[in-house]
Amino acid sequence: MKTQISIALLTSLLALSPAAHANFSVNVGAINVNPDNSSSAINEAPTLGLKGDSDTQLGITVDYAFNDQWVLELIAATPFSHDVNGTGGLAGNKIADIKQLPPSLVAQYHFLDTSYALRPFIGVGINYTAFFDEQPSQALKATLGTDDVEVKLDDSFGFMAQVGANYKIDKNWGLHAMVSIMDIDTDATVYANGAKALTSTVELDPVVAMFGVRYSF
């Protein structure tokens, strides 16, 4: 279900202008999501905290150029998996495994003109992050004293900023690199035996970096 979000967005963007395929470029490569290193406090126990680790997946971005300078980019990827680890009194313990997809839509401004092989750009946009398949760890179950433990993370909307560059090798092929900062905050709730046990507002705010090959139609 969650994977279909990115596929649907890609399909919508490709359908913007069927007659204008020359305006489209596709970038494929490695994309890394690295959450902020600071921890988010557990509300019921502020000396305890949570933070997520980084993950690298296959990234796919689609660019639609309105003109030589302005481009709309859709960022998609295969699902990211993160270990949520404890901090403070929970340091050294894995709390949960989570998966997420952060499809994003970015308006980019490209510097220089199309005669230059290397063209830097900046962008701003929005991202929607869908969390799913949250799995509590054995350490969390032991801490709460039950195997009936459920972890839920709310989906998130946020802003993002981006810098990057495209390098043109020939008419069709090139290289693509970008770094984005995303505002991703989620409310995490842990249930034990069906009752709410722990809550935390987790500020992931990751740095997202991608490097890949580029094909322009």
N, C-alpha and C. Protein backbone atom coordinates (compact mmCIF):
# COMPACT_ATOMS: atom_id res chain seq x y z
N MET A 1 0.83 -1.20 0.00
CA MET A 1 0.00 0.00 0.00
C MET A 1 0.86 1.25 0.00
N LYS A 2 1.86 1.29 0.90
CA LYS A 2 2.70 2.49 0.99
C LYS A 2 3.56 2.66 -0.25
N THR A 3 4.06 1.54 -0.81
CA THR A 3 4.88 1.63 -2.02
C THR A 3 4.07 2.23 -3.15
N GLN A 4 2.76 2.00 -3.17
CA GLN A 4 1.91 2.52 -4.23
C GLN A 4 1.84 4.04 -4.19
N ILE A 5 2.12 4.67 -3.05
CA ILE A 5 2.12 6.13 -2.96
C ILE A 5 3.13 6.72 -3.92
N SER A 6 4.37 6.20 -3.87
CA SER A 6 5.41 6.71 -4.75
C SER A 6 5.11 6.41 -6.21
N ILE A 7 4.60 5.20 -6.49
CA ILE A 7 4.29 4.84 -7.87
C ILE A 7 3.21 5.75 -8.42
N ALA A 8 2.20 6.04 -7.62
CA ALA A 8 1.11 6.91 -8.08
C ALA A 8 1.61 8.32 -8.35
N LEU A 9 2.50 8.83 -7.50
CA LEU A 9 3.04 10.17 -7.72
C LEU A 9 3.89 10.22 -8.97
N LEU A 10 4.69 9.20 -9.20
CA LEU A 10 5.49 9.14 -10.42
C LEU A 10 4.59 9.12 -11.66
N THR A 11 3.54 8.33 -11.61
CA THR A 11 2.62 8.23 -12.74
C THR A 11 1.95 9.57 -13.01
N SER A 12 1.56 10.27 -11.93
CA SER A 12 0.91 11.56 -12.10
C SER A 12 1.83 12.58 -12.76
N LEU A 13 3.09 12.59 -12.35
CA LEU A 13 4.03 13.54 -12.91
C LEU A 13 4.30 13.22 -14.38
N LEU A 14 4.44 11.96 -14.71
CA LEU A 14 4.70 11.58 -16.10
C LEU A 14 3.51 11.90 -17.00
N ALA A 15 2.34 12.02 -16.40
CA ALA A 15 1.14 12.30 -17.19
C ALA A 15 0.89 13.79 -17.38
N LEU A 16 1.75 14.64 -16.85
CA LEU A 16 1.53 16.07 -16.95
C LEU A 16 1.47 16.55 -18.38
N SER A 17 2.35 16.01 -19.23
CA SER A 17 2.41 16.48 -20.61
C SER A 17 2.88 15.37 -21.52
N PRO A 18 1.99 14.53 -22.01
CA PRO A 18 2.39 13.40 -22.83
C PRO A 18 3.15 13.80 -24.08
N ALA A 19 2.90 14.99 -24.59
CA ALA A 19 3.54 15.41 -25.84
C ALA A 19 4.89 16.07 -25.61
N ALA A 20 5.29 16.20 -24.36
CA ALA A 20 6.50 16.98 -24.08
C ALA A 20 7.55 16.14 -23.39
N HIS A 21 7.78 14.91 -23.86
CA HIS A 21 8.73 14.02 -23.22
C HIS A 21 10.14 14.59 -23.22
N ALA A 22 10.46 15.50 -24.14
CA ALA A 22 11.79 16.09 -24.18
C ALA A 22 12.07 16.89 -22.92
N ASN A 23 11.03 17.24 -22.17
CA ASN A 23 11.21 18.01 -20.94
C ASN A 23 11.47 17.14 -19.73
N PHE A 24 11.45 15.84 -19.90
CA PHE A 24 11.60 14.93 -18.77
C PHE A 24 13.01 14.38 -18.66
N SER A 25 13.47 14.22 -17.40
CA SER A 25 14.71 13.51 -17.10
C SER A 25 14.44 12.58 -15.93
N VAL A 26 15.13 11.44 -15.92
CA VAL A 26 15.01 10.48 -14.84
C VAL A 26 16.39 10.27 -14.23
N ASN A 27 16.47 10.31 -12.92
CA ASN A 27 17.71 10.10 -12.19
C ASN A 27 17.56 8.84 -11.34
N VAL A 28 18.53 7.95 -11.43
CA VAL A 28 18.49 6.69 -10.68
C VAL A 28 19.83 6.49 -9.99
N GLY A 29 19.81 6.18 -8.70
CA GLY A 29 21.06 5.96 -7.99
C GLY A 29 20.84 5.64 -6.53
N ALA A 30 21.90 5.73 -5.76
CA ALA A 30 21.84 5.46 -4.32
C ALA A 30 21.36 6.72 -3.59
N ILE A 31 20.40 6.53 -2.68
CA ILE A 31 19.90 7.64 -1.87
C ILE A 31 19.97 7.26 -0.40
N ASN A 32 20.52 8.14 0.40
CA ASN A 32 20.74 7.88 1.82
C ASN A 32 19.92 8.84 2.66
N VAL A 33 19.24 8.30 3.67
CA VAL A 33 18.50 9.10 4.65
C VAL A 33 19.22 8.99 5.98
N ASN A 34 19.72 10.12 6.47
CA ASN A 34 20.49 10.14 7.72
C ASN A 34 19.80 11.05 8.73
N PRO A 35 19.02 10.48 9.67
CA PRO A 35 18.29 11.31 10.64
C PRO A 35 19.23 12.13 11.52
N ASP A 36 18.67 13.21 12.04
CA ASP A 36 19.40 14.08 12.97
C ASP A 36 19.92 13.23 14.14
N ASN A 37 21.16 13.50 14.57
CA ASN A 37 21.78 12.70 15.62
C ASN A 37 21.23 12.99 17.02
N SER A 38 20.53 14.11 17.19
CA SER A 38 19.98 14.41 18.51
C SER A 38 18.81 13.48 18.81
N SER A 39 18.59 13.19 20.08
CA SER A 39 17.54 12.25 20.47
C SER A 39 16.27 12.99 20.83
N SER A 40 15.15 12.28 20.75
CA SER A 40 13.84 12.82 21.14
C SER A 40 13.41 12.17 22.44
N ALA A 41 13.05 13.00 23.43
CA ALA A 41 12.73 12.49 24.76
C ALA A 41 11.41 11.72 24.77
N ILE A 42 11.37 10.68 25.61
CA ILE A 42 10.12 9.96 25.88
C ILE A 42 9.35 10.77 26.92
N ASN A 43 8.10 11.10 26.61
CA ASN A 43 7.34 12.04 27.44
C ASN A 43 7.21 11.57 28.88
N GLU A 44 6.99 10.27 29.07
CA GLU A 44 6.78 9.76 30.43
C GLU A 44 8.09 9.63 31.21
N ALA A 45 9.22 9.71 30.51
CA ALA A 45 10.52 9.58 31.17
C ALA A 45 11.54 10.41 30.39
N PRO A 46 11.61 11.73 30.66
CA PRO A 46 12.44 12.64 29.87
C PRO A 46 13.93 12.29 29.85
N THR A 47 14.41 11.49 30.82
CA THR A 47 15.82 11.11 30.81
C THR A 47 16.10 10.00 29.80
N LEU A 48 15.03 9.42 29.25
CA LEU A 48 15.16 8.39 28.22
C LEU A 48 14.84 9.01 26.86
N GLY A 49 15.46 8.50 25.82
CA GLY A 49 15.22 9.08 24.51
C GLY A 49 15.28 8.07 23.38
N LEU A 50 14.97 8.55 22.17
CA LEU A 50 14.96 7.73 20.98
C LEU A 50 15.68 8.45 19.85
N LYS A 51 16.35 7.68 19.00
CA LYS A 51 16.90 8.25 17.77
C LYS A 51 17.02 7.13 16.73
N GLY A 52 16.92 7.52 15.46
CA GLY A 52 16.97 6.55 14.38
C GLY A 52 18.32 6.53 13.69
N ASP A 53 18.64 5.39 13.06
CA ASP A 53 19.89 5.29 12.32
C ASP A 53 19.64 5.56 10.84
N SER A 54 20.70 5.57 10.05
CA SER A 54 20.60 5.90 8.62
C SER A 54 20.35 4.65 7.79
N ASP A 55 19.94 4.88 6.54
CA ASP A 55 19.73 3.77 5.62
C ASP A 55 19.90 4.27 4.20
N THR A 56 20.38 3.38 3.32
CA THR A 56 20.57 3.71 1.91
C THR A 56 19.72 2.77 1.06
N GLN A 57 19.02 3.35 0.08
CA GLN A 57 18.14 2.57 -0.78
C GLN A 57 18.32 3.03 -2.23
N LEU A 58 17.55 2.43 -3.12
CA LEU A 58 17.53 2.85 -4.52
C LEU A 58 16.63 4.06 -4.66
N GLY A 59 17.20 5.16 -5.16
CA GLY A 59 16.44 6.38 -5.35
C GLY A 59 16.08 6.59 -6.81
N ILE A 60 14.88 7.06 -7.05
CA ILE A 60 14.42 7.39 -8.40
C ILE A 60 13.78 8.78 -8.33
N THR A 61 14.30 9.72 -9.11
CA THR A 61 13.70 11.04 -9.19
C THR A 61 13.37 11.35 -10.63
N VAL A 62 12.26 12.05 -10.81
CA VAL A 62 11.80 12.44 -12.14
C VAL A 62 11.73 13.97 -12.20
N ASP A 63 12.37 14.55 -13.21
CA ASP A 63 12.38 16.00 -13.40
C ASP A 63 11.50 16.39 -14.58
N TYR A 64 10.71 17.43 -14.38
CA TYR A 64 9.96 18.02 -15.49
C TYR A 64 10.38 19.48 -15.61
N ALA A 65 11.00 19.86 -16.74
CA ALA A 65 11.51 21.21 -16.95
C ALA A 65 10.44 22.07 -17.62
N PHE A 66 10.03 23.13 -16.93
CA PHE A 66 9.10 24.08 -17.52
C PHE A 66 9.82 25.01 -18.51
N ASN A 67 11.08 25.29 -18.21
CA ASN A 67 11.94 26.07 -19.11
C ASN A 67 13.38 25.76 -18.73
N ASP A 68 14.35 26.55 -19.18
CA ASP A 68 15.76 26.25 -18.93
C ASP A 68 16.14 26.38 -17.46
N GLN A 69 15.40 27.17 -16.69
CA GLN A 69 15.76 27.41 -15.29
C GLN A 69 14.87 26.67 -14.28
N TRP A 70 13.57 26.58 -14.55
CA TRP A 70 12.65 26.06 -13.55
C TRP A 70 12.27 24.61 -13.82
N VAL A 71 12.43 23.80 -12.77
CA VAL A 71 12.20 22.35 -12.88
C VAL A 71 11.39 21.88 -11.68
N LEU A 72 10.46 20.98 -11.93
CA LEU A 72 9.72 20.32 -10.86
C LEU A 72 10.25 18.90 -10.73
N GLU A 73 10.68 18.53 -9.52
CA GLU A 73 11.26 17.20 -9.31
C GLU A 73 10.46 16.42 -8.29
N LEU A 74 10.18 15.17 -8.63
CA LEU A 74 9.56 14.22 -7.71
C LEU A 74 10.60 13.24 -7.25
N ILE A 75 10.75 13.09 -5.92
CA ILE A 75 11.73 12.18 -5.33
C ILE A 75 11.00 10.96 -4.79
N ALA A 76 11.44 9.79 -5.21
CA ALA A 76 10.86 8.53 -4.71
C ALA A 76 12.01 7.56 -4.45
N ALA A 77 11.69 6.46 -3.78
CA ALA A 77 12.72 5.48 -3.43
C ALA A 77 12.06 4.18 -3.01
N THR A 78 12.86 3.13 -2.95
CA THR A 78 12.40 1.91 -2.30
C THR A 78 12.33 2.18 -0.80
N PRO A 79 11.51 1.44 -0.04
CA PRO A 79 11.29 1.77 1.38
C PRO A 79 12.58 1.76 2.20
N PHE A 80 12.69 2.76 3.07
CA PHE A 80 13.82 2.86 3.99
C PHE A 80 13.50 2.09 5.28
N SER A 81 14.51 1.42 5.82
CA SER A 81 14.39 0.71 7.10
C SER A 81 15.32 1.35 8.11
N HIS A 82 14.81 1.59 9.32
CA HIS A 82 15.60 2.23 10.36
C HIS A 82 15.48 1.47 11.67
N ASP A 83 16.59 1.34 12.37
CA ASP A 83 16.56 0.92 13.76
C ASP A 83 16.33 2.16 14.62
N VAL A 84 15.34 2.10 15.50
CA VAL A 84 15.14 3.16 16.49
C VAL A 84 15.81 2.71 17.77
N ASN A 85 16.85 3.44 18.17
CA ASN A 85 17.66 3.06 19.32
C ASN A 85 17.38 3.96 20.51
N GLY A 86 17.61 3.41 21.69
CA GLY A 86 17.42 4.19 22.91
C GLY A 86 18.62 5.05 23.24
N THR A 87 18.38 6.14 23.95
CA THR A 87 19.44 7.00 24.48
C THR A 87 19.19 7.20 25.97
N GLY A 88 20.15 7.82 26.64
CA GLY A 88 20.01 8.01 28.08
C GLY A 88 20.03 6.66 28.79
N GLY A 89 19.03 6.41 29.62
CA GLY A 89 18.96 5.14 30.34
C GLY A 89 18.69 3.95 29.45
N LEU A 90 18.28 4.20 28.21
CA LEU A 90 18.03 3.11 27.25
C LEU A 90 19.17 2.93 26.27
N ALA A 91 20.27 3.63 26.49
CA ALA A 91 21.40 3.57 25.55
C ALA A 91 21.87 2.14 25.37
N GLY A 92 22.14 1.77 24.11
CA GLY A 92 22.60 0.44 23.80
C GLY A 92 21.49 -0.54 23.48
N ASN A 93 20.23 -0.10 23.62
CA ASN A 93 19.10 -0.96 23.35
C ASN A 93 18.36 -0.53 22.09
N LYS A 94 18.07 -1.49 21.21
CA LYS A 94 17.21 -1.19 20.07
C LYS A 94 15.76 -1.24 20.55
N ILE A 95 15.00 -0.21 20.18
CA ILE A 95 13.62 -0.09 20.64
C ILE A 95 12.65 -0.67 19.61
N ALA A 96 12.91 -0.40 18.33
CA ALA A 96 12.00 -0.87 17.30
C ALA A 96 12.67 -0.83 15.94
N ASP A 97 12.13 -1.57 14.99
CA ASP A 97 12.46 -1.46 13.57
C ASP A 97 11.28 -0.78 12.89
N ILE A 98 11.56 0.21 12.04
CA ILE A 98 10.48 0.88 11.32
C ILE A 98 10.85 0.97 9.84
N LYS A 99 9.84 1.13 9.02
CA LYS A 99 10.03 1.41 7.60
C LYS A 99 9.30 2.69 7.26
N GLN A 100 9.83 3.41 6.26
CA GLN A 100 9.19 4.65 5.87
C GLN A 100 9.47 4.98 4.42
N LEU A 101 8.55 5.72 3.82
CA LEU A 101 8.71 6.25 2.47
C LEU A 101 8.47 7.76 2.54
N PRO A 102 9.42 8.57 2.07
CA PRO A 102 9.22 10.03 2.10
C PRO A 102 9.13 10.66 0.70
N PRO A 103 8.12 10.32 -0.12
CA PRO A 103 8.02 10.96 -1.42
C PRO A 103 7.95 12.48 -1.28
N SER A 104 8.67 13.18 -2.15
CA SER A 104 8.79 14.63 -2.02
C SER A 104 8.64 15.29 -3.39
N LEU A 105 8.12 16.51 -3.37
CA LEU A 105 7.96 17.30 -4.58
C LEU A 105 8.71 18.60 -4.39
N VAL A 106 9.64 18.90 -5.32
CA VAL A 106 10.56 20.03 -5.15
C VAL A 106 10.53 20.93 -6.38
N ALA A 107 10.46 22.24 -6.16
CA ALA A 107 10.62 23.23 -7.22
C ALA A 107 12.09 23.67 -7.22
N GLN A 108 12.77 23.48 -8.34
CA GLN A 108 14.20 23.78 -8.44
C GLN A 108 14.45 24.97 -9.37
N TYR A 109 15.47 25.75 -9.02
CA TYR A 109 15.98 26.78 -9.92
C TYR A 109 17.39 26.38 -10.35
N HIS A 110 17.62 26.24 -11.65
CA HIS A 110 18.91 25.83 -12.19
C HIS A 110 19.69 27.04 -12.68
N PHE A 111 20.93 27.14 -12.23
CA PHE A 111 21.80 28.26 -12.61
C PHE A 111 22.48 27.96 -13.96
N LEU A 112 23.02 29.00 -14.55
CA LEU A 112 23.71 28.93 -15.84
C LEU A 112 22.72 28.52 -16.93
N ASP A 113 23.18 28.48 -18.17
CA ASP A 113 22.27 28.07 -19.24
C ASP A 113 22.63 26.66 -19.71
N THR A 114 21.85 26.15 -20.64
CA THR A 114 21.97 24.74 -21.02
C THR A 114 23.25 24.43 -21.80
N SER A 115 24.03 25.44 -22.16
CA SER A 115 25.29 25.18 -22.86
C SER A 115 26.37 24.68 -21.90
N TYR A 116 26.17 24.86 -20.59
CA TYR A 116 27.15 24.42 -19.60
C TYR A 116 26.92 22.94 -19.26
N ALA A 117 28.02 22.19 -19.17
CA ALA A 117 27.89 20.77 -18.80
C ALA A 117 27.49 20.62 -17.34
N LEU A 118 28.06 21.44 -16.47
CA LEU A 118 27.77 21.36 -15.03
C LEU A 118 26.83 22.49 -14.66
N ARG A 119 25.66 22.12 -14.13
CA ARG A 119 24.67 23.13 -13.76
C ARG A 119 24.19 22.89 -12.32
N PRO A 120 24.58 23.78 -11.40
CA PRO A 120 24.09 23.67 -10.02
C PRO A 120 22.64 24.15 -9.93
N PHE A 121 21.96 23.70 -8.86
CA PHE A 121 20.58 24.12 -8.64
C PHE A 121 20.28 24.18 -7.15
N ILE A 122 19.23 24.91 -6.83
CA ILE A 122 18.69 24.95 -5.46
C ILE A 122 17.19 24.65 -5.57
N GLY A 123 16.60 24.19 -4.47
CA GLY A 123 15.19 23.87 -4.52
C GLY A 123 14.53 23.93 -3.16
N VAL A 124 13.23 24.10 -3.16
CA VAL A 124 12.41 24.02 -1.95
C VAL A 124 11.18 23.19 -2.29
N GLY A 125 10.63 22.52 -1.29
CA GLY A 125 9.47 21.70 -1.57
C GLY A 125 8.83 21.15 -0.32
N ILE A 126 8.01 20.12 -0.52
CA ILE A 126 7.30 19.48 0.59
C ILE A 126 7.52 17.97 0.51
N ASN A 127 7.44 17.32 1.65
CA ASN A 127 7.54 15.86 1.67
C ASN A 127 6.41 15.28 2.53
N TYR A 128 5.97 14.11 2.12
CA TYR A 128 5.00 13.34 2.89
C TYR A 128 5.68 12.05 3.28
N THR A 129 5.80 11.81 4.57
CA THR A 129 6.47 10.60 5.04
C THR A 129 5.46 9.62 5.62
N ALA A 130 5.41 8.44 5.03
CA ALA A 130 4.51 7.39 5.49
C ALA A 130 5.32 6.35 6.26
N PHE A 131 4.95 6.09 7.50
CA PHE A 131 5.60 5.07 8.34
C PHE A 131 4.75 3.81 8.35
N PHE A 132 5.41 2.65 8.33
CA PHE A 132 4.67 1.39 8.32
C PHE A 132 5.57 0.26 8.81
N ASP A 133 4.96 -0.87 9.06
CA ASP A 133 5.66 -2.09 9.49
C ASP A 133 6.55 -1.84 10.70
N GLU A 134 6.02 -1.12 11.69
CA GLU A 134 6.76 -0.88 12.92
C GLU A 134 6.81 -2.15 13.77
N GLN A 135 8.02 -2.57 14.13
CA GLN A 135 8.20 -3.82 14.88
C GLN A 135 8.93 -3.55 16.19
N PRO A 136 8.29 -3.80 17.34
CA PRO A 136 8.98 -3.59 18.62
C PRO A 136 10.10 -4.61 18.82
N SER A 137 11.14 -4.19 19.53
CA SER A 137 12.27 -5.08 19.78
C SER A 137 12.00 -5.95 21.01
N GLN A 138 12.81 -7.01 21.15
CA GLN A 138 12.71 -7.84 22.35
C GLN A 138 13.09 -7.06 23.59
N ALA A 139 14.04 -6.12 23.45
CA ALA A 139 14.45 -5.30 24.60
C ALA A 139 13.30 -4.44 25.10
N LEU A 140 12.50 -3.88 24.16
CA LEU A 140 11.35 -3.07 24.57
C LEU A 140 10.31 -3.94 25.25
N LYS A 141 10.08 -5.12 24.70
CA LYS A 141 9.12 -6.02 25.32
C LYS A 141 9.56 -6.40 26.74
N ALA A 142 10.86 -6.65 26.92
CA ALA A 142 11.38 -7.00 28.25
C ALA A 142 11.23 -5.83 29.21
N THR A 143 11.48 -4.60 28.72
CA THR A 143 11.36 -3.42 29.56
C THR A 143 9.92 -3.22 30.04
N LEU A 144 8.96 -3.48 29.13
CA LEU A 144 7.55 -3.29 29.47
C LEU A 144 6.94 -4.52 30.13
N GLY A 145 7.68 -5.63 30.15
CA GLY A 145 7.23 -6.83 30.85
C GLY A 145 6.12 -7.59 30.17
N THR A 146 6.02 -7.48 28.84
CA THR A 146 4.98 -8.20 28.11
C THR A 146 5.40 -8.36 26.65
N ASP A 147 4.89 -9.41 26.01
CA ASP A 147 5.13 -9.60 24.58
C ASP A 147 4.05 -8.91 23.74
N ASP A 148 2.98 -8.45 24.39
CA ASP A 148 1.90 -7.76 23.69
C ASP A 148 2.23 -6.27 23.59
N VAL A 149 3.16 -5.95 22.68
CA VAL A 149 3.63 -4.58 22.51
C VAL A 149 3.43 -4.16 21.05
N GLU A 150 2.94 -2.96 20.87
CA GLU A 150 2.72 -2.41 19.53
C GLU A 150 3.31 -1.01 19.46
N VAL A 151 3.98 -0.71 18.34
CA VAL A 151 4.57 0.61 18.12
C VAL A 151 3.89 1.25 16.92
N LYS A 152 3.44 2.49 17.05
CA LYS A 152 2.79 3.22 15.97
C LYS A 152 3.44 4.59 15.79
N LEU A 153 3.75 4.93 14.54
CA LEU A 153 4.28 6.24 14.21
C LEU A 153 3.32 6.92 13.23
N ASP A 154 2.95 8.16 13.52
CA ASP A 154 2.04 8.90 12.66
C ASP A 154 2.76 9.36 11.40
N ASP A 155 2.03 9.40 10.28
CA ASP A 155 2.58 9.95 9.05
C ASP A 155 2.83 11.45 9.22
N SER A 156 3.66 12.00 8.34
CA SER A 156 4.14 13.37 8.54
C SER A 156 4.15 14.15 7.23
N PHE A 157 3.82 15.45 7.31
CA PHE A 157 4.04 16.41 6.24
C PHE A 157 5.09 17.41 6.71
N GLY A 158 5.97 17.85 5.81
CA GLY A 158 6.98 18.84 6.20
C GLY A 158 7.60 19.50 4.99
N PHE A 159 8.35 20.57 5.26
CA PHE A 159 9.05 21.29 4.21
C PHE A 159 10.45 20.73 4.02
N MET A 160 11.07 21.08 2.91
CA MET A 160 12.44 20.64 2.64
C MET A 160 13.16 21.68 1.81
N ALA A 161 14.49 21.67 1.91
CA ALA A 161 15.35 22.52 1.09
C ALA A 161 16.43 21.65 0.46
N GLN A 162 16.91 22.07 -0.71
CA GLN A 162 17.78 21.20 -1.50
C GLN A 162 18.84 22.01 -2.25
N VAL A 163 20.02 21.42 -2.38
CA VAL A 163 21.06 21.92 -3.28
C VAL A 163 21.60 20.73 -4.06
N GLY A 164 22.10 20.99 -5.26
CA GLY A 164 22.64 19.89 -6.04
C GLY A 164 23.21 20.37 -7.36
N ALA A 165 23.52 19.42 -8.22
CA ALA A 165 24.07 19.74 -9.53
C ALA A 165 23.84 18.58 -10.48
N ASN A 166 23.68 18.92 -11.76
CA ASN A 166 23.62 17.93 -12.83
C ASN A 166 24.82 18.13 -13.75
N TYR A 167 25.40 17.03 -14.19
CA TYR A 167 26.53 17.09 -15.13
C TYR A 167 26.15 16.35 -16.40
N LYS A 168 26.20 17.07 -17.53
CA LYS A 168 25.81 16.50 -18.82
C LYS A 168 27.00 15.84 -19.50
N ILE A 169 26.91 14.53 -19.76
CA ILE A 169 27.96 13.80 -20.47
C ILE A 169 27.76 13.90 -21.98
N ASP A 170 26.52 13.66 -22.42
CA ASP A 170 26.17 13.85 -23.82
C ASP A 170 24.72 14.30 -23.88
N LYS A 171 24.10 14.19 -25.05
CA LYS A 171 22.73 14.70 -25.22
C LYS A 171 21.76 14.07 -24.25
N ASN A 172 21.91 12.78 -23.98
CA ASN A 172 20.95 12.07 -23.14
C ASN A 172 21.46 11.72 -21.75
N TRP A 173 22.73 11.38 -21.64
CA TRP A 173 23.25 10.84 -20.38
C TRP A 173 23.98 11.89 -19.55
N GLY A 174 23.91 11.70 -18.22
CA GLY A 174 24.61 12.61 -17.33
C GLY A 174 24.68 12.04 -15.93
N LEU A 175 25.09 12.87 -14.99
CA LEU A 175 25.19 12.51 -13.58
C LEU A 175 24.34 13.48 -12.77
N HIS A 176 23.84 13.00 -11.64
CA HIS A 176 22.95 13.79 -10.79
C HIS A 176 23.39 13.64 -9.34
N ALA A 177 23.47 14.76 -8.64
CA ALA A 177 23.81 14.73 -7.21
C ALA A 177 22.97 15.78 -6.49
N MET A 178 22.49 15.43 -5.32
CA MET A 178 21.72 16.40 -4.53
C MET A 178 21.82 16.07 -3.05
N VAL A 179 21.65 17.12 -2.23
CA VAL A 179 21.56 16.99 -0.78
C VAL A 179 20.35 17.79 -0.33
N SER A 180 19.48 17.16 0.46
CA SER A 180 18.27 17.82 0.94
C SER A 180 18.21 17.73 2.46
N ILE A 181 17.59 18.73 3.05
CA ILE A 181 17.26 18.71 4.47
C ILE A 181 15.74 18.66 4.57
N MET A 182 15.21 17.64 5.26
CA MET A 182 13.77 17.45 5.35
C MET A 182 13.28 17.64 6.78
N ASP A 183 12.13 18.28 6.91
CA ASP A 183 11.47 18.42 8.21
C ASP A 183 10.51 17.25 8.37
N ILE A 184 10.93 16.24 9.14
CA ILE A 184 10.09 15.06 9.38
C ILE A 184 9.93 14.88 10.89
N ASP A 185 8.76 15.15 11.39
CA ASP A 185 8.43 14.95 12.80
C ASP A 185 7.26 13.98 12.88
N THR A 186 7.31 13.06 13.83
CA THR A 186 6.24 12.09 13.97
C THR A 186 5.95 11.84 15.45
N ASP A 187 4.69 11.59 15.75
CA ASP A 187 4.30 11.19 17.10
C ASP A 187 4.37 9.68 17.20
N ALA A 188 5.23 9.20 18.09
CA ALA A 188 5.39 7.76 18.30
C ALA A 188 4.64 7.34 19.57
N THR A 189 3.90 6.26 19.46
CA THR A 189 3.15 5.75 20.61
C THR A 189 3.43 4.26 20.76
N VAL A 190 3.71 3.86 21.99
CA VAL A 190 3.95 2.45 22.30
C VAL A 190 2.79 1.95 23.17
N TYR A 191 2.18 0.86 22.72
CA TYR A 191 1.08 0.25 23.47
C TYR A 191 1.56 -1.06 24.09
N ALA A 192 1.19 -1.28 25.33
CA ALA A 192 1.49 -2.53 26.04
C ALA A 192 0.19 -3.12 26.55
N ASN A 193 -0.09 -4.37 26.16
CA ASN A 193 -1.35 -5.02 26.52
C ASN A 193 -2.56 -4.18 26.13
N GLY A 194 -2.46 -3.50 24.98
CA GLY A 194 -3.56 -2.71 24.46
C GLY A 194 -3.70 -1.32 25.04
N ALA A 195 -2.89 -0.97 26.05
CA ALA A 195 -2.97 0.35 26.69
C ALA A 195 -1.76 1.19 26.31
N LYS A 196 -1.95 2.49 26.21
CA LYS A 196 -0.86 3.39 25.86
C LYS A 196 0.17 3.40 26.99
N ALA A 197 1.43 3.10 26.64
CA ALA A 197 2.48 3.00 27.66
C ALA A 197 3.48 4.14 27.57
N LEU A 198 3.93 4.46 26.36
CA LEU A 198 4.95 5.49 26.16
C LEU A 198 4.59 6.32 24.94
N THR A 199 4.93 7.62 24.98
CA THR A 199 4.73 8.50 23.83
C THR A 199 5.97 9.38 23.65
N SER A 200 6.20 9.78 22.41
CA SER A 200 7.32 10.66 22.12
C SER A 200 7.08 11.37 20.80
N THR A 201 7.42 12.64 20.73
CA THR A 201 7.43 13.36 19.46
C THR A 201 8.84 13.24 18.90
N VAL A 202 8.99 12.42 17.88
CA VAL A 202 10.32 12.11 17.33
C VAL A 202 10.62 13.06 16.18
N GLU A 203 11.70 13.82 16.31
CA GLU A 203 12.14 14.76 15.28
C GLU A 203 13.26 14.10 14.49
N LEU A 204 12.92 13.54 13.33
CA LEU A 204 13.94 12.87 12.52
C LEU A 204 14.80 13.87 11.74
N ASP A 205 14.15 14.84 11.10
CA ASP A 205 14.82 15.93 10.37
C ASP A 205 16.09 15.45 9.65
N PRO A 206 15.97 14.51 8.71
CA PRO A 206 17.17 13.91 8.14
C PRO A 206 17.83 14.76 7.06
N VAL A 207 19.10 14.48 6.83
CA VAL A 207 19.81 14.92 5.64
C VAL A 207 19.69 13.79 4.62
N VAL A 208 19.19 14.11 3.44
CA VAL A 208 18.99 13.11 2.39
C VAL A 208 19.94 13.43 1.25
N ALA A 209 20.77 12.47 0.88
CA ALA A 209 21.77 12.67 -0.18
C ALA A 209 21.61 11.60 -1.24
N MET A 210 21.76 12.02 -2.50
CA MET A 210 21.62 11.08 -3.60
C MET A 210 22.70 11.33 -4.64
N PHE A 211 23.23 10.26 -5.20
CA PHE A 211 24.14 10.35 -6.36
C PHE A 211 23.76 9.25 -7.33
N GLY A 212 23.61 9.63 -8.61
CA GLY A 212 23.20 8.63 -9.57
C GLY A 212 23.41 9.07 -10.99
N VAL A 213 22.92 8.24 -11.90
CA VAL A 213 23.01 8.55 -13.33
C VAL A 213 21.72 9.24 -13.76
N ARG A 214 21.83 10.00 -14.85
CA ARG A 214 20.71 10.82 -15.33
C ARG A 214 20.48 10.53 -16.81
N TYR A 215 19.20 10.38 -17.18
CA TYR A 215 18.84 10.20 -18.58
C TYR A 215 17.78 11.23 -18.94
N SER A 216 18.05 12.02 -19.97
CA SER A 216 17.11 13.04 -20.43
C SER A 216 16.47 12.59 -21.73
N PHE A 217 15.15 12.68 -21.79
CA PHE A 217 14.41 12.27 -22.98
C PHE A 217 14.41 13.37 -24.04
